[in-house]
């Protein structure tokens, strides 16, 4: 699946749960939004929509983990965020499948499963977001997002543990954690959709400009365009054109040699 589709899946899931939860909280005037957790809205009017919104981000969370793993440079990849995103998506589905208890006591089995699934969901996603954000600094295309992504993810992790270990009101505290997590997911999905694909989409045009520049500077040694197409997947888009002694030469970003690696280098 293309990275554009993976980013789009995540954006749709984030948008669905955000819009649904905001609308239901505004319509359910019988509940105090600042003192009631979102899980309680599953029972009563519009409960089906709320439960569906809990399922909605799960495919997007898994898609983000897969998409960022594929998008980053191999040196910047890490399997740990991917695994945590997948586990978090599964835990979110378990959370949505079991209804929370309306009161603290008595505690039912489905209520206990819901609580542990919620804790696993927040723990996995916040940790994965922080680990994934830290990996961005090793990738040339995504290092610009490193500071923003790491800042949001760090706030998510810190506030989640403050919420989990302190007597913050359950309703308001939970909604702040959800908002922070959704903010990171939205930004990560948007970066995946916007910043990576324009570069890949225009790769053919940039490669054509390089070929034209080489042909113009050295008519006697035309560039083998077929070889360029065949080697494009194996070399990074950072193949540089260096002007030396009035003529253009190319160097492979993979091996650093001039015309020696069989990647159709031109002089």
Protein backbone atom coordinates (compact mmCIF):
# COMPACT_ATOMS: atom_id res chain seq x y z
CA UNK A 1 0.00 0.00 0.00
CA UNK A 2 1.29 3.47 -0.90
CA UNK A 3 2.33 5.84 1.85
CA UNK A 4 -0.25 8.40 0.73
CA UNK A 5 -3.04 5.92 1.45
CA UNK A 6 -1.60 5.07 4.87
CA UNK A 7 -1.48 8.74 5.86
CA UNK A 8 -5.01 9.25 4.57
CA UNK A 9 -6.34 6.33 6.62
CA UNK A 10 -4.85 7.84 9.77
CA UNK A 11 -6.31 11.29 9.03
CA UNK A 12 -9.79 9.88 8.46
CA UNK A 13 -9.69 7.98 11.75
CA UNK A 14 -8.50 11.02 13.71
CA UNK A 15 -11.14 13.24 12.11
CA UNK A 16 -13.95 10.76 12.77
CA UNK A 17 -13.28 10.30 16.48
CA UNK A 18 -12.67 14.02 17.01
CA UNK A 19 -15.86 15.20 15.31
CA UNK A 20 -18.01 12.42 16.78
CA UNK A 21 -16.88 12.90 20.37
CA UNK A 22 -17.25 16.68 20.23
CA UNK A 23 -20.74 16.45 18.77
CA UNK A 24 -21.94 13.80 21.20
CA UNK A 25 -20.65 15.72 24.21
CA UNK A 26 -22.51 18.81 23.03
CA UNK A 27 -25.71 16.81 22.50
CA UNK A 28 -25.59 14.82 25.75
CA UNK A 29 -26.61 17.60 28.10
CA UNK A 30 -27.49 15.03 30.76
CA UNK A 31 -23.76 14.39 31.38
CA UNK A 32 -21.11 16.75 32.71
CA UNK A 33 -18.36 16.61 30.10
CA UNK A 34 -15.62 17.73 32.50
CA UNK A 35 -16.41 14.98 35.03
CA UNK A 36 -17.45 12.15 32.70
CA UNK A 37 -15.00 10.03 30.76
CA UNK A 38 -15.65 9.35 27.10
CA UNK A 39 -16.24 5.66 27.80
CA UNK A 40 -19.46 6.49 29.67
CA UNK A 41 -20.91 8.07 26.51
CA UNK A 42 -21.04 4.59 24.94
CA UNK A 43 -24.19 3.86 26.94
CA UNK A 44 -27.26 5.93 26.19
CA UNK A 45 -28.16 8.11 23.19
CA UNK A 46 -25.59 8.20 20.37
CA UNK A 47 -23.66 5.42 22.11
CA UNK A 48 -23.26 3.45 18.88
CA UNK A 49 -21.55 6.41 17.24
CA UNK A 50 -19.18 6.81 20.16
CA UNK A 51 -18.27 3.12 20.11
CA UNK A 52 -17.68 3.30 16.34
CA UNK A 53 -15.44 6.33 16.85
CA UNK A 54 -13.31 4.30 19.26
CA UNK A 55 -12.72 1.73 16.53
CA UNK A 56 -12.06 4.34 13.84
CA UNK A 57 -8.47 5.37 14.74
CA UNK A 58 -7.23 1.78 15.12
CA UNK A 59 -6.52 1.15 11.40
CA UNK A 60 -4.94 4.60 11.16
CA UNK A 61 -2.64 3.97 14.13
CA UNK A 62 -1.42 0.74 12.55
CA UNK A 63 -1.12 2.52 9.19
CA UNK A 64 1.02 5.26 10.75
CA UNK A 65 3.38 2.74 12.25
CA UNK A 66 3.77 0.95 8.91
CA UNK A 67 3.93 4.18 6.92
CA UNK A 68 6.65 5.85 8.98
CA UNK A 69 8.66 2.66 9.09
CA UNK A 70 8.60 2.53 5.29
CA UNK A 71 9.10 6.26 4.76
CA UNK A 72 12.20 6.76 6.87
CA UNK A 73 15.72 6.05 5.72
CA UNK A 74 16.94 2.59 6.70
CA UNK A 75 19.38 4.06 9.22
CA UNK A 76 16.49 5.92 10.90
CA UNK A 77 14.08 2.99 11.06
CA UNK A 78 13.23 1.21 14.27
CA UNK A 79 10.90 -1.74 14.69
CA UNK A 80 9.94 -0.82 18.27
CA UNK A 81 7.59 2.09 17.38
CA UNK A 82 5.99 -0.08 14.72
CA UNK A 83 5.32 -2.89 17.20
CA UNK A 84 3.96 -0.48 19.81
CA UNK A 85 1.64 1.17 17.29
CA UNK A 86 0.28 -2.23 16.26
CA UNK A 87 -0.23 -3.32 19.87
CA UNK A 88 -1.87 0.03 20.66
CA UNK A 89 -4.28 -0.40 17.74
CA UNK A 90 -5.25 -3.86 18.96
CA UNK A 91 -5.69 -2.60 22.52
CA UNK A 92 -7.93 0.19 21.24
CA UNK A 93 -10.18 -2.37 19.55
CA UNK A 94 -10.38 -4.33 22.80
CA UNK A 95 -11.23 -1.11 24.65
CA UNK A 96 -14.07 -0.39 22.23
CA UNK A 97 -15.42 -3.93 22.47
CA UNK A 98 -15.91 -3.90 26.26
CA UNK A 99 -18.15 -1.37 27.96
CA UNK A 100 -16.79 0.58 30.91
CA UNK A 101 -18.48 0.51 34.31
CA UNK A 102 -20.70 3.51 34.95
CA UNK A 103 -19.59 3.63 38.60
CA UNK A 104 -16.40 2.76 40.43
CA UNK A 105 -18.07 -0.04 42.36
CA UNK A 106 -18.89 -2.78 41.77
CA UNK A 107 -16.21 -3.62 39.22
CA UNK A 108 -17.35 -6.02 36.51
CA UNK A 109 -15.20 -8.19 34.27
CA UNK A 110 -15.95 -6.18 31.15
CA UNK A 111 -15.24 -2.98 33.07
CA UNK A 112 -11.87 -4.30 34.25
CA UNK A 113 -10.93 -5.39 30.73
CA UNK A 114 -11.90 -1.94 29.46
CA UNK A 115 -9.69 -0.25 32.06
CA UNK A 116 -6.62 -2.34 31.31
CA UNK A 117 -7.16 -2.00 27.56
CA UNK A 118 -7.39 1.78 27.93
CA UNK A 119 -4.16 1.86 29.94
CA UNK A 120 -2.39 -0.34 27.37
CA UNK A 121 -3.67 1.85 24.52
CA UNK A 122 -2.38 5.10 26.01
CA UNK A 123 0.88 3.55 27.15
CA UNK A 124 1.71 1.98 23.79
CA UNK A 125 0.69 4.93 21.62
CA UNK A 126 2.37 7.64 23.71
CA UNK A 127 5.58 5.62 23.99
CA UNK A 128 5.54 4.77 20.28
CA UNK A 129 4.96 8.42 19.39
CA UNK A 130 7.98 9.50 21.42
CA UNK A 131 10.25 6.77 20.04
CA UNK A 132 9.12 7.50 16.47
CA UNK A 133 9.67 11.21 16.95
CA UNK A 134 13.22 10.62 18.17
CA UNK A 135 14.00 8.65 15.02
CA UNK A 136 13.08 11.58 12.78
CA UNK A 137 16.38 13.34 13.46
CA UNK A 138 18.24 10.58 11.61
CA UNK A 139 16.28 11.09 8.38
CA UNK A 140 17.22 13.95 6.06
CA UNK A 141 13.66 14.54 4.82
CA UNK A 142 11.94 14.47 8.22
CA UNK A 143 14.50 16.11 10.49
CA UNK A 144 12.61 19.41 10.17
CA UNK A 145 9.67 17.84 12.02
CA UNK A 146 11.86 16.39 14.76
CA UNK A 147 11.46 19.24 17.26
CA UNK A 148 7.68 19.62 16.88
CA UNK A 149 7.02 15.88 16.91
CA UNK A 150 9.27 15.26 19.91
CA UNK A 151 7.73 18.17 21.83
CA UNK A 152 4.15 16.97 21.36
CA UNK A 153 5.10 13.37 22.09
CA UNK A 154 7.02 14.33 25.23
CA UNK A 155 4.06 16.31 26.54
CA UNK A 156 1.83 13.29 25.82
CA UNK A 157 4.06 10.94 27.80
CA UNK A 158 4.56 13.29 30.75
CA UNK A 159 0.91 14.25 31.05
CA UNK A 160 -0.27 10.64 30.66
CA UNK A 161 1.76 9.56 33.67
CA UNK A 162 0.68 12.61 35.66
CA UNK A 163 -2.93 11.73 34.85
CA UNK A 164 -2.41 8.06 35.71
CA UNK A 165 -0.68 8.68 39.05
CA UNK A 166 -2.43 11.80 40.36
CA UNK A 167 -6.03 12.59 41.37
CA UNK A 168 -6.84 14.62 38.27
CA UNK A 169 -10.59 14.53 37.46
CA UNK A 170 -11.14 11.48 35.33
CA UNK A 171 -13.26 13.17 32.69
CA UNK A 172 -11.19 16.26 32.03
CA UNK A 173 -7.86 14.51 32.54
CA UNK A 174 -8.74 11.72 30.13
CA UNK A 175 -9.92 14.15 27.47
CA UNK A 176 -6.65 16.11 27.65
CA UNK A 177 -4.66 12.90 27.11
CA UNK A 178 -6.91 11.97 24.18
CA UNK A 179 -6.51 15.45 22.67
CA UNK A 180 -2.72 15.32 22.93
CA UNK A 181 -2.55 11.87 21.37
CA UNK A 182 -4.87 12.89 18.54
CA UNK A 183 -2.79 16.02 17.95
CA UNK A 184 0.36 13.94 17.47
CA UNK A 185 -1.42 11.40 15.26
CA UNK A 186 -2.85 14.19 13.11
CA UNK A 187 0.52 15.89 12.66
CA UNK A 188 2.29 12.60 11.94
CA UNK A 189 -0.34 11.61 9.37
CA UNK A 190 -0.24 15.06 7.76
CA UNK A 191 3.56 15.01 7.48
CA UNK A 192 3.44 11.55 5.95
CA UNK A 193 0.83 12.69 3.45
CA UNK A 194 2.29 16.09 2.59
CA UNK A 195 6.06 16.06 2.95
CA UNK A 196 7.03 12.69 1.56
CA UNK A 197 4.81 12.27 -1.46
CA UNK A 198 5.40 15.60 -3.17
CA UNK A 199 9.09 14.69 -3.15
CA UNK A 200 8.40 11.26 -4.58
CA UNK A 201 5.81 12.63 -7.00
CA UNK A 202 8.29 15.12 -8.46
CA UNK A 203 11.18 12.65 -8.48
CA UNK A 204 10.64 11.83 -12.15
CA UNK A 205 10.74 15.54 -13.08
CA UNK A 206 13.92 16.17 -11.08
CA UNK A 207 15.58 13.12 -12.60
CA UNK A 208 14.63 14.37 -16.06
CA UNK A 209 16.23 17.74 -15.29
CA UNK A 210 19.44 16.01 -14.23
CA UNK A 211 19.51 13.94 -17.42
CA UNK A 212 18.89 17.05 -19.53
CA UNK A 213 21.68 18.96 -17.76
CA UNK A 214 24.14 16.13 -18.32
CA UNK A 215 23.21 15.75 -21.98
CA UNK A 216 23.49 19.49 -22.56
CA UNK A 217 26.96 19.71 -21.07
CA UNK A 218 28.35 16.64 -22.85
CA UNK A 219 26.71 15.85 -26.20
CA UNK A 220 29.30 13.18 -26.96
CA UNK A 221 28.36 11.09 -23.94
CA UNK A 222 24.54 10.87 -23.74
CA UNK A 223 23.00 9.49 -20.59
CA UNK A 224 21.45 6.05 -20.73
CA UNK A 225 17.91 6.89 -19.59
CA UNK A 226 16.97 3.22 -19.34
CA UNK A 227 19.76 2.66 -16.85
CA UNK A 228 18.66 5.73 -14.91
CA UNK A 229 15.17 4.25 -14.56
CA UNK A 230 16.50 0.86 -13.54
CA UNK A 231 18.81 2.20 -10.86
CA UNK A 232 16.42 4.83 -9.47
CA UNK A 233 14.89 2.51 -6.85
CA UNK A 234 18.32 1.51 -5.59
CA UNK A 235 19.83 4.95 -5.12
CA UNK A 236 18.46 7.73 -2.99
CA UNK A 237 16.94 10.89 -4.38
CA UNK A 238 19.99 12.78 -3.15
CA UNK A 239 22.07 11.91 -6.21
CA UNK A 240 24.02 15.10 -6.65
CA UNK A 241 25.20 16.85 -9.75
CA UNK A 242 28.55 18.53 -9.30
CA UNK A 243 29.95 21.05 -11.75
CA UNK A 244 33.65 20.53 -12.28
CA UNK A 245 35.88 22.10 -14.96
CA UNK A 246 32.93 23.38 -16.94
CA UNK A 247 31.15 20.04 -17.22
CA UNK A 248 28.60 18.23 -15.09
CA UNK A 249 29.37 14.94 -13.41
CA UNK A 250 27.20 12.71 -11.26
CA UNK A 251 28.13 10.79 -8.15
CA UNK A 252 26.13 7.95 -6.67
CA UNK A 253 24.85 8.61 -3.15
CA UNK A 254 25.06 4.87 -2.52
CA UNK A 255 28.70 4.18 -3.34
CA UNK A 256 30.20 7.66 -3.87
CA UNK A 257 32.03 6.65 -7.05
CA UNK A 258 32.20 8.38 -10.42
CA UNK A 259 30.64 6.16 -13.11
CA UNK A 260 32.10 3.06 -11.46
CA UNK A 261 29.04 1.41 -9.97
CA UNK A 262 27.00 0.86 -13.13
CA UNK A 263 24.37 3.48 -12.27
CA UNK A 264 24.63 5.25 -15.63
CA UNK A 265 26.85 8.09 -14.47
CA UNK A 266 27.52 10.81 -17.04
CA UNK A 267 30.38 13.17 -17.36
